[in-house]
Amino acid sequence: MHDVLEILVSWVVSTSFLFGVIIFDERRMERLEDPRLERAWPPSSRASAIIGFGVLALPLHFLRTRRSLIGLLLAIGFTALELLVETIALAGLDAAMS
């Protein structure tokens, strides 16, 4: 049962984080009327891309929209942050289960 909870918590935390970061970034670009928004996933396929690519959706999003060193740095930074948040959530689950 513990393994199933770990998988479920990991998926929920990871997916929520991915949706939050990508949608926040797209809305920020929309407010700034940034032309890079045109390279982002269309809203109709964004959810499929996030679910399908999983944690790889973050680097893909930033590399697609930025196409620069800044995009690469954002991709690395947000992916590392996602992994940190997921690790903390799983550590909390382990602490709660023991």
PDB file of N, CA and C in Angstrom:
ATOM      1  N   MET A   1       0.823  -1.202   0.000  1.00  0.00           N
ATOM      2  CA  MET A   1       0.000   0.000   0.000  1.00  0.00           C
ATOM      3  C   MET A   1       0.864   1.261   0.000  1.00  0.00           C
ATOM      4  N   HIS A   2       1.975   1.177   0.726  1.00  0.00           N
ATOM      5  CA  HIS A   2       2.861   2.341   0.814  1.00  0.00           C
ATOM      6  C   HIS A   2       3.421   2.713  -0.558  1.00  0.00           C
ATOM      7  N   ASP A   3       3.765   1.712  -1.358  1.00  0.00           N
ATOM      8  CA  ASP A   3       4.311   1.967  -2.689  1.00  0.00           C
ATOM      9  C   ASP A   3       3.291   2.657  -3.590  1.00  0.00           C
ATOM     10  N   VAL A   4       2.046   2.232  -3.480  1.00  0.00           N
ATOM     11  CA  VAL A   4       0.983   2.848  -4.286  1.00  0.00           C
ATOM     12  C   VAL A   4       0.802   4.310  -3.891  1.00  0.00           C
ATOM     13  N   LEU A   5       0.841   4.586  -2.594  1.00  0.00           N
ATOM     14  CA  LEU A   5       0.719   5.976  -2.131  1.00  0.00           C
ATOM     15  C   LEU A   5       1.890   6.825  -2.613  1.00  0.00           C
ATOM     16  N   GLU A   6       3.087   6.266  -2.609  1.00  0.00           N
ATOM     17  CA  GLU A   6       4.255   7.006  -3.097  1.00  0.00           C
ATOM     18  C   GLU A   6       4.090   7.380  -4.564  1.00  0.00           C
ATOM     19  N   ILE A   7       3.636   6.436  -5.368  1.00  0.00           N
ATOM     20  CA  ILE A   7       3.437   6.709  -6.794  1.00  0.00           C
ATOM     21  C   ILE A   7       2.365   7.768  -6.986  1.00  0.00           C
ATOM     22  N   LEU A   8       1.270   7.639  -6.245  1.00  0.00           N
ATOM     23  CA  LEU A   8       0.166   8.586  -6.367  1.00  0.00           C
ATOM     24  C   LEU A   8       0.573   9.992  -5.930  1.00  0.00           C
ATOM     25  N   VAL A   9       1.234  10.100  -4.788  1.00  0.00           N
ATOM     26  CA  VAL A   9       1.682  11.412  -4.299  1.00  0.00           C
ATOM     27  C   VAL A   9       2.690  12.018  -5.265  1.00  0.00           C
ATOM     28  N   SER A  10       3.609  11.211  -5.737  1.00  0.00           N
ATOM     29  CA  SER A  10       4.608  11.690  -6.686  1.00  0.00           C
ATOM     30  C   SER A  10       3.945  12.240  -7.945  1.00  0.00           C
ATOM     31  N   TRP A  11       2.982  11.509  -8.484  1.00  0.00           N
ATOM     32  CA  TRP A  11       2.304  11.942  -9.710  1.00  0.00           C
ATOM     33  C   TRP A  11       1.492  13.209  -9.481  1.00  0.00           C
ATOM     34  N   VAL A  12       0.749  13.277  -8.387  1.00  0.00           N
ATOM     35  CA  VAL A  12      -0.089  14.450  -8.107  1.00  0.00           C
ATOM     36  C   VAL A  12       0.766  15.694  -7.898  1.00  0.00           C
ATOM     37  N   VAL A  13       1.815  15.578  -7.099  1.00  0.00           N
ATOM     38  CA  VAL A  13       2.687  16.729  -6.828  1.00  0.00           C
ATOM     39  C   VAL A  13       3.390  17.168  -8.104  1.00  0.00           C
ATOM     40  N   SER A  14       3.943  16.235  -8.828  1.00  0.00           N
ATOM     41  CA  SER A  14       4.674  16.544 -10.052  1.00  0.00           C
ATOM     42  C   SER A  14       3.763  17.191 -11.095  1.00  0.00           C
ATOM     43  N   THR A  15       2.619  16.595 -11.344  1.00  0.00           N
ATOM     44  CA  THR A  15       1.708  17.109 -12.364  1.00  0.00           C
ATOM     45  C   THR A  15       1.162  18.475 -11.982  1.00  0.00           C
ATOM     46  N   SER A  16       0.814  18.661 -10.720  1.00  0.00           N
ATOM     47  CA  SER A  16       0.321  19.964 -10.263  1.00  0.00           C
ATOM     48  C   SER A  16       1.382  21.046 -10.440  1.00  0.00           C
ATOM     49  N   PHE A  17       2.616  20.708 -10.085  1.00  0.00           N
ATOM     50  CA  PHE A  17       3.720  21.653 -10.233  1.00  0.00           C
ATOM     51  C   PHE A  17       3.917  22.019 -11.700  1.00  0.00           C
ATOM     52  N   LEU A  18       3.902  21.013 -12.574  1.00  0.00           N
ATOM     53  CA  LEU A  18       4.106  21.258 -14.004  1.00  0.00           C
ATOM     54  C   LEU A  18       3.022  22.173 -14.569  1.00  0.00           C
ATOM     55  N   PHE A  19       1.768  21.846 -14.283  1.00  0.00           N
ATOM     56  CA  PHE A  19       0.673  22.690 -14.766  1.00  0.00           C
ATOM     57  C   PHE A  19       0.814  24.108 -14.227  1.00  0.00           C
ATOM     58  N   GLY A  20       1.107  24.231 -12.932  1.00  0.00           N
ATOM     59  CA  GLY A  20       1.225  25.550 -12.316  1.00  0.00           C
ATOM     60  C   GLY A  20       2.298  26.414 -12.956  1.00  0.00           C
ATOM     61  N   VAL A  21       3.487  25.861 -13.115  1.00  0.00           N
ATOM     62  CA  VAL A  21       4.612  26.630 -13.676  1.00  0.00           C
ATOM     63  C   VAL A  21       4.351  26.989 -15.134  1.00  0.00           C
ATOM     64  N   ILE A  22       3.921  26.033 -15.926  1.00  0.00           N
ATOM     65  CA  ILE A  22       3.743  26.285 -17.364  1.00  0.00           C
ATOM     66  C   ILE A  22       2.598  27.266 -17.609  1.00  0.00           C
ATOM     67  N   ILE A  23       1.479  27.085 -16.934  1.00  0.00           N
ATOM     68  CA  ILE A  23       0.356  28.010 -17.129  1.00  0.00           C
ATOM     69  C   ILE A  23       0.705  29.397 -16.610  1.00  0.00           C
ATOM     70  N   PHE A  24       1.391  29.485 -15.457  1.00  0.00           N
ATOM     71  CA  PHE A  24       1.817  30.797 -14.941  1.00  0.00           C
ATOM     72  C   PHE A  24       2.728  31.493 -15.941  1.00  0.00           C
ATOM     73  N   ASP A  25       3.689  30.748 -16.500  1.00  0.00           N
ATOM     74  CA  ASP A  25       4.622  31.337 -17.459  1.00  0.00           C
ATOM     75  C   ASP A  25       3.896  31.813 -18.717  1.00  0.00           C
ATOM     76  N   GLU A  26       2.953  31.007 -19.209  1.00  0.00           N
ATOM     77  CA  GLU A  26       2.207  31.411 -20.406  1.00  0.00           C
ATOM     78  C   GLU A  26       1.355  32.652 -20.139  1.00  0.00           C
ATOM     79  N   ARG A  27       0.735  32.728 -18.988  1.00  0.00           N
ATOM     80  CA  ARG A  27      -0.080  33.918 -18.662  1.00  0.00           C
ATOM     81  C   ARG A  27       0.785  35.158 -18.505  1.00  0.00           C
ATOM     82  N   ARG A  28       1.976  34.977 -17.952  1.00  0.00           N
ATOM     83  CA  ARG A  28       2.903  36.111 -17.828  1.00  0.00           C
ATOM     84  C   ARG A  28       3.312  36.605 -19.207  1.00  0.00           C
ATOM     85  N   MET A  29       3.617  35.673 -20.116  1.00  0.00           N
ATOM     86  CA  MET A  29       3.984  36.059 -21.475  1.00  0.00           C
ATOM     87  C   MET A  29       2.802  36.722 -22.178  1.00  0.00           C
ATOM     88  N   GLU A  30       1.600  36.242 -21.882  1.00  0.00           N
ATOM     89  CA  GLU A  30       0.396  36.815 -22.496  1.00  0.00           C
ATOM     90  C   GLU A  30       0.209  38.261 -22.052  1.00  0.00           C
ATOM     91  N   ARG A  31       0.419  38.521 -20.769  1.00  0.00           N
ATOM     92  CA  ARG A  31       0.285  39.893 -20.250  1.00  0.00           C
ATOM     93  C   ARG A  31       1.324  40.820 -20.870  1.00  0.00           C
ATOM     94  N   LEU A  32       2.511  40.292 -21.115  1.00  0.00           N
ATOM     95  CA  LEU A  32       3.592  41.102 -21.682  1.00  0.00           C
ATOM     96  C   LEU A  32       3.523  41.160 -23.206  1.00  0.00           C
ATOM     97  N   GLU A  33       2.506  40.495 -23.785  1.00  0.00           N
ATOM     98  CA  GLU A  33       2.369  40.410 -25.241  1.00  0.00           C
ATOM     99  C   GLU A  33       3.674  39.930 -25.873  1.00  0.00           C
ATOM    100  N   ASP A  34       4.209  38.882 -25.283  1.00  0.00           N
ATOM    101  CA  ASP A  34       5.489  38.326 -25.699  1.00  0.00           C
ATOM    102  C   ASP A  34       5.300  37.430 -26.920  1.00  0.00           C
ATOM    103  N   PRO A  35       6.045  37.659 -27.995  1.00  0.00           N
ATOM    104  CA  PRO A  35       5.905  36.817 -29.187  1.00  0.00           C
ATOM    105  C   PRO A  35       6.338  35.366 -28.967  1.00  0.00           C
ATOM    106  N   ARG A  36       7.091  35.113 -27.898  1.00  0.00           N
ATOM    107  CA  ARG A  36       7.524  33.738 -27.615  1.00  0.00           C
ATOM    108  C   ARG A  36       6.348  32.837 -27.264  1.00  0.00           C
ATOM    109  N   LEU A  37       5.225  33.442 -26.865  1.00  0.00           N
ATOM    110  CA  LEU A  37       4.033  32.671 -26.518  1.00  0.00           C
ATOM    111  C   LEU A  37       3.545  31.844 -27.706  1.00  0.00           C
ATOM    112  N   GLU A  38       3.795  32.324 -28.921  1.00  0.00           N
ATOM    113  CA  GLU A  38       3.368  31.591 -30.119  1.00  0.00           C
ATOM    114  C   GLU A  38       4.059  30.235 -30.245  1.00  0.00           C
ATOM    115  N   ARG A  39       5.229  30.081 -29.617  1.00  0.00           N
ATOM    116  CA  ARG A  39       5.959  28.815 -29.681  1.00  0.00           C
ATOM    117  C   ARG A  39       5.538  27.846 -28.582  1.00  0.00           C
ATOM    118  N   ALA A  40       4.713  28.306 -27.643  1.00  0.00           N
ATOM    119  CA  ALA A  40       4.236  27.425 -26.562  1.00  0.00           C
ATOM    120  C   ALA A  40       3.199  26.461 -27.119  1.00  0.00           C
ATOM    121  N   TRP A  41       2.909  25.424 -26.334  1.00  0.00           N
ATOM    122  CA  TRP A  41       1.877  24.487 -26.754  1.00  0.00           C
ATOM    123  C   TRP A  41       0.539  25.199 -26.811  1.00  0.00           C
ATOM    124  N   PRO A  42      -0.274  24.906 -27.821  1.00  0.00           N
ATOM    125  CA  PRO A  42      -1.617  25.490 -27.848  1.00  0.00           C
ATOM    126  C   PRO A  42      -2.402  24.982 -26.639  1.00  0.00           C
ATOM    127  N   PRO A  43      -3.294  25.814 -26.107  1.00  0.00           N
ATOM    128  CA  PRO A  43      -4.065  25.384 -24.929  1.00  0.00           C
ATOM    129  C   PRO A  43      -4.786  24.054 -25.130  1.00  0.00           C
ATOM    130  N   SER A  44      -5.190  23.769 -26.356  1.00  0.00           N
ATOM    131  CA  SER A  44      -5.920  22.521 -26.609  1.00  0.00           C
ATOM    132  C   SER A  44      -5.041  21.280 -26.450  1.00  0.00           C
ATOM    133  N   SER A  45      -3.732  21.411 -26.583  1.00  0.00           N
ATOM    134  CA  SER A  45      -2.856  20.242 -26.446  1.00  0.00           C
ATOM    135  C   SER A  45      -1.887  20.354 -25.272  1.00  0.00           C
ATOM    136  N   ARG A  46      -1.964  21.447 -24.520  1.00  0.00           N
ATOM    137  CA  ARG A  46      -1.048  21.653 -23.395  1.00  0.00           C
ATOM    138  C   ARG A  46      -1.170  20.523 -22.369  1.00  0.00           C
ATOM    139  N   ALA A  47      -2.394  20.176 -21.998  1.00  0.00           N
ATOM    140  CA  ALA A  47      -2.590  19.137 -20.983  1.00  0.00           C
ATOM    141  C   ALA A  47      -2.023  17.800 -21.453  1.00  0.00           C
ATOM    142  N   SER A  48      -2.236  17.470 -22.707  1.00  0.00           N
ATOM    143  CA  SER A  48      -1.701  16.214 -23.243  1.00  0.00           C
ATOM    144  C   SER A  48      -0.179  16.207 -23.211  1.00  0.00           C
ATOM    145  N   ALA A  49       0.423  17.332 -23.529  1.00  0.00           N
ATOM    146  CA  ALA A  49       1.886  17.423 -23.517  1.00  0.00           C
ATOM    147  C   ALA A  49       2.421  17.272 -22.093  1.00  0.00           C
ATOM    148  N   ILE A  50       1.776  17.924 -21.140  1.00  0.00           N
ATOM    149  CA  ILE A  50       2.244  17.863 -19.754  1.00  0.00           C
ATOM    150  C   ILE A  50       2.089  16.448 -19.198  1.00  0.00           C
ATOM    151  N   ILE A  51       0.937  15.836 -19.427  1.00  0.00           N
ATOM    152  CA  ILE A  51       0.719  14.480 -18.933  1.00  0.00           C
ATOM    153  C   ILE A  51       1.621  13.488 -19.673  1.00  0.00           C
ATOM    154  N   GLY A  52       1.725  13.641 -20.973  1.00  0.00           N
ATOM    155  CA  GLY A  52       2.513  12.713 -21.784  1.00  0.00           C
ATOM    156  C   GLY A  52       4.005  12.791 -21.536  1.00  0.00           C
ATOM    157  N   PHE A  53       4.534  14.006 -21.436  1.00  0.00           N
ATOM    158  CA  PHE A  53       5.975  14.170 -21.252  1.00  0.00           C
ATOM    159  C   PHE A  53       6.392  14.119 -19.794  1.00  0.00           C
ATOM    160  N   GLY A  54       5.465  14.339 -18.876  1.00  0.00           N
ATOM    161  CA  GLY A  54       5.795  14.328 -17.452  1.00  0.00           C
ATOM    162  C   GLY A  54       6.771  15.437 -17.116  1.00  0.00           C
ATOM    163  N   VAL A  55       7.760  15.108 -16.317  1.00  0.00           N
ATOM    164  CA  VAL A  55       8.720  16.123 -15.864  1.00  0.00           C
ATOM    165  C   VAL A  55       9.518  16.711 -17.031  1.00  0.00           C
ATOM    166  N   LEU A  56       9.596  16.016 -18.148  1.00  0.00           N
ATOM    167  CA  LEU A  56      10.293  16.558 -19.324  1.00  0.00           C
ATOM    168  C   LEU A  56       9.526  17.723 -19.960  1.00  0.00           C
ATOM    169  N   ALA A  57       8.273  17.906 -19.569  1.00  0.00           N
ATOM    170  CA  ALA A  57       7.487  19.009 -20.121  1.00  0.00           C
ATOM    171  C   ALA A  57       8.081  20.366 -19.739  1.00  0.00           C
ATOM    172  N   LEU A  58       8.669  20.464 -18.552  1.00  0.00           N
ATOM    173  CA  LEU A  58       9.258  21.748 -18.135  1.00  0.00           C
ATOM    174  C   LEU A  58      10.425  22.156 -19.024  1.00  0.00           C
ATOM    175  N   PRO A  59      11.452  21.308 -19.172  1.00  0.00           N
ATOM    176  CA  PRO A  59      12.538  21.734 -20.052  1.00  0.00           C
ATOM    177  C   PRO A  59      12.071  21.939 -21.487  1.00  0.00           C
ATOM    178  N   LEU A  60      11.165  21.094 -21.952  1.00  0.00           N
ATOM    179  CA  LEU A  60      10.669  21.278 -23.315  1.00  0.00           C
ATOM    180  C   LEU A  60       9.952  22.617 -23.469  1.00  0.00           C
ATOM    181  N   HIS A  61       9.145  22.989 -22.489  1.00  0.00           N
ATOM    182  CA  HIS A  61       8.424  24.263 -22.557  1.00  0.00           C
ATOM    183  C   HIS A  61       9.399  25.437 -22.630  1.00  0.00           C
ATOM    184  N   PHE A  62      10.353  25.470 -21.710  1.00  0.00           N
ATOM    185  CA  PHE A  62      11.264  26.615 -21.670  1.00  0.00           C
ATOM    186  C   PHE A  62      12.205  26.642 -22.868  1.00  0.00           C
ATOM    187  N   LEU A  63      12.622  25.485 -23.337  1.00  0.00           N
ATOM    188  CA  LEU A  63      13.486  25.471 -24.519  1.00  0.00           C
ATOM    189  C   LEU A  63      12.707  25.841 -25.781  1.00  0.00           C
ATOM    190  N   ARG A  64      11.436  25.430 -25.863  1.00  0.00           N
ATOM    191  CA  ARG A  64      10.604  25.795 -27.027  1.00  0.00           C
ATOM    192  C   ARG A  64      10.304  27.287 -27.057  1.00  0.00           C
ATOM    193  N   THR A  65       9.981  27.845 -25.905  1.00  0.00           N
ATOM    194  CA  THR A  65       9.551  29.248 -25.896  1.00  0.00           C
ATOM    195  C   THR A  65      10.725  30.221 -25.879  1.00  0.00           C
ATOM    196  N   ARG A  66      11.831  29.873 -25.236  1.00  0.00           N
ATOM    197  CA  ARG A  66      12.949  30.817 -25.109  1.00  0.00           C
ATOM    198  C   ARG A  66      13.987  30.665 -26.214  1.00  0.00           C
ATOM    199  N   ARG A  67      14.348  29.422 -26.522  1.00  0.00           N
ATOM    200  CA  ARG A  67      15.394  29.148 -27.514  1.00  0.00           C
ATOM    201  C   ARG A  67      16.664  29.961 -27.264  1.00  0.00           C
ATOM    202  N   SER A  68      17.105  29.948 -26.011  1.00  0.00           N
ATOM    203  CA  SER A  68      18.283  30.725 -25.637  1.00  0.00           C
ATOM    204  C   SER A  68      18.917  30.100 -24.399  1.00  0.00           C
ATOM    205  N   LEU A  69      20.024  30.686 -23.970  1.00  0.00           N
ATOM    206  CA  LEU A  69      20.686  30.240 -22.753  1.00  0.00           C
ATOM    207  C   LEU A  69      19.773  30.462 -21.555  1.00  0.00           C
ATOM    208  N   ILE A  70      19.022  31.548 -21.559  1.00  0.00           N
ATOM    209  CA  ILE A  70      18.066  31.814 -20.460  1.00  0.00           C
ATOM    210  C   ILE A  70      17.039  30.690 -20.398  1.00  0.00           C
ATOM    211  N   GLY A  71      16.551  30.240 -21.541  1.00  0.00           N
ATOM    212  CA  GLY A  71      15.596  29.137 -21.574  1.00  0.00           C
ATOM    213  C   GLY A  71      16.191  27.869 -20.998  1.00  0.00           C
ATOM    214  N   LEU A  72      17.448  27.609 -21.328  1.00  0.00           N
ATOM    215  CA  LEU A  72      18.125  26.434 -20.797  1.00  0.00           C
ATOM    216  C   LEU A  72      18.269  26.538 -19.279  1.00  0.00           C
ATOM    217  N   LEU A  73      18.647  27.705 -18.798  1.00  0.00           N
ATOM    218  CA  LEU A  73      18.800  27.903 -17.356  1.00  0.00           C
ATOM    219  C   LEU A  73      17.457  27.792 -16.632  1.00  0.00           C
ATOM    220  N   LEU A  74      16.406  28.355 -17.221  1.00  0.00           N
ATOM    221  CA  LEU A  74      15.068  28.220 -16.636  1.00  0.00           C
ATOM    222  C   LEU A  74      14.643  26.756 -16.615  1.00  0.00           C
ATOM    223  N   ALA A  75      14.925  26.049 -17.690  1.00  0.00           N
ATOM    224  CA  ALA A  75      14.576  24.635 -17.766  1.00  0.00           C
ATOM    225  C   ALA A  75      15.273  23.841 -16.667  1.00  0.00           C
ATOM    226  N   ILE A  76      16.557  24.063 -16.499  1.00  0.00           N
ATOM    227  CA  ILE A  76      17.320  23.347 -15.470  1.00  0.00           C
ATOM    228  C   ILE A  76      16.833  23.740 -14.078  1.00  0.00           C
ATOM    229  N   GLY A  77      16.642  25.028 -13.851  1.00  0.00           N
ATOM    230  CA  GLY A  77      16.222  25.505 -12.531  1.00  0.00           C
ATOM    231  C   GLY A  77      14.855  25.006 -12.113  1.00  0.00           C
ATOM    232  N   PHE A  78      13.874  25.120 -13.004  1.00  0.00           N
ATOM    233  CA  PHE A  78      12.531  24.679 -12.644  1.00  0.00           C
ATOM    234  C   PHE A  78      12.428  23.155 -12.555  1.00  0.00           C
ATOM    235  N   THR A  79      13.198  22.437 -13.351  1.00  0.00           N
ATOM    236  CA  THR A  79      13.197  20.977 -13.246  1.00  0.00           C
ATOM    237  C   THR A  79      13.807  20.554 -11.914  1.00  0.00           C
ATOM    238  N   ALA A  80      14.881  21.211 -11.516  1.00  0.00           N
ATOM    239  CA  ALA A  80      15.491  20.908 -10.215  1.00  0.00           C
ATOM    240  C   ALA A  80      14.524  21.252  -9.077  1.00  0.00           C
ATOM    241  N   LEU A  81      13.821  22.370  -9.199  1.00  0.00           N
ATOM    242  CA  LEU A  81      12.843  22.759  -8.179  1.00  0.00           C
ATOM    243  C   LEU A  81      11.708  21.742  -8.103  1.00  0.00           C
ATOM    244  N   GLU A  82      11.255  21.258  -9.246  1.00  0.00           N
ATOM    245  CA  GLU A  82      10.184  20.252  -9.255  1.00  0.00           C
ATOM    246  C   GLU A  82      10.649  18.991  -8.548  1.00  0.00           C
ATOM    247  N   LEU A  83      11.857  18.550  -8.826  1.00  0.00           N
ATOM    248  CA  LEU A  83      12.375  17.347  -8.184  1.00  0.00           C
ATOM    249  C   LEU A  83      12.539  17.548  -6.678  1.00  0.00           C
ATOM    250  N   LEU A  84      12.923  18.748  -6.259  1.00  0.00           N
ATOM    251  CA  LEU A  84      13.051  19.057  -4.841  1.00  0.00           C
ATOM    252  C   LEU A  84      11.684  19.018  -4.152  1.00  0.00           C
ATOM    253  N   VAL A  85      10.681  19.640  -4.768  1.00  0.00           N
ATOM    254  CA  VAL A  85       9.333  19.651  -4.196  1.00  0.00           C
ATOM    255  C   VAL A  85       8.800  18.227  -4.089  1.00  0.00           C
ATOM    256  N   GLU A  86       9.012  17.431  -5.110  1.00  0.00           N
ATOM    257  CA  GLU A  86       8.559  16.039  -5.093  1.00  0.00           C
ATOM    258  C   GLU A  86       9.270  15.236  -4.005  1.00  0.00           C
ATOM    259  N   THR A  87      10.561  15.454  -3.844  1.00  0.00           N
ATOM    260  CA  THR A  87      11.324  14.761  -2.806  1.00  0.00           C
ATOM    261  C   THR A  87      10.824  15.128  -1.417  1.00  0.00           C
ATOM    262  N   ILE A  88      10.538  16.406  -1.207  1.00  0.00           N
ATOM    263  CA  ILE A  88      10.022  16.856   0.090  1.00  0.00           C
ATOM    264  C   ILE A  88       8.653  16.234   0.363  1.00  0.00           C
ATOM    265  N   ALA A  89       7.809  16.184  -0.665  1.00  0.00           N
ATOM    266  CA  ALA A  89       6.475  15.575  -0.495  1.00  0.00           C
ATOM    267  C   ALA A  89       6.595  14.105  -0.144  1.00  0.00           C
ATOM    268  N   LEU A  90       7.491  13.391  -0.799  1.00  0.00           N
ATOM    269  CA  LEU A  90       7.674  11.967  -0.512  1.00  0.00           C
ATOM    270  C   LEU A  90       8.289  11.740   0.865  1.00  0.00           C
ATOM    271  N   ALA A  91       9.182  12.633   1.291  1.00  0.00           N
ATOM    272  CA  ALA A  91       9.743  12.538   2.633  1.00  0.00           C
ATOM    273  C   ALA A  91       8.657  12.767   3.683  1.00  0.00           C
ATOM    274  N   GLY A  92       7.759  13.710   3.400  1.00  0.00           N
ATOM    275  CA  GLY A  92       6.646  13.947   4.299  1.00  0.00           C
ATOM    276  C   GLY A  92       5.715  12.743   4.380  1.00  0.00           C
ATOM    277  N   LEU A  93       5.483  12.102   3.245  1.00  0.00           N
ATOM    278  CA  LEU A  93       4.665  10.890   3.232  1.00  0.00           C
ATOM    279  C   LEU A  93       5.322   9.786   4.052  1.00  0.00           C
ATOM    280  N   ASP A  94       6.631   9.603   3.876  1.00  0.00           N
ATOM    281  CA  ASP A  94       7.349   8.585   4.647  1.00  0.00           C
ATOM    282  C   ASP A  94       7.267   8.864   6.153  1.00  0.00           C
ATOM    283  N   ALA A  95       7.414  10.144   6.519  1.00  0.00           N
ATOM    284  CA  ALA A  95       7.330  10.513   7.926  1.00  0.00           C
ATOM    285  C   ALA A  95       5.920  10.262   8.477  1.00  0.00           C
ATOM    286  N   ALA A  96       4.916  10.545   7.681  1.00  0.00           N
ATOM    287  CA  ALA A  96       3.541  10.355   8.131  1.00  0.00           C
ATOM    288  C   ALA A  96       3.177   8.884   8.245  1.00  0.00           C
ATOM    289  N   MET A  97       3.775   8.045   7.406  1.00  0.00           N
ATOM    290  CA  MET A  97       3.452   6.620   7.399  1.00  0.00           C
ATOM    291  C   MET A  97       4.200   5.836   8.486  1.00  0.00           C
ATOM    292  N   SER A  98       5.264   6.421   9.038  1.00  0.00           N
ATOM    293  CA  SER A  98       6.024   5.668  10.044  1.00  0.00           C
ATOM    294  C   SER A  98       5.715   6.094  11.450  1.00  0.00           C
TER     295      SER A  98
END
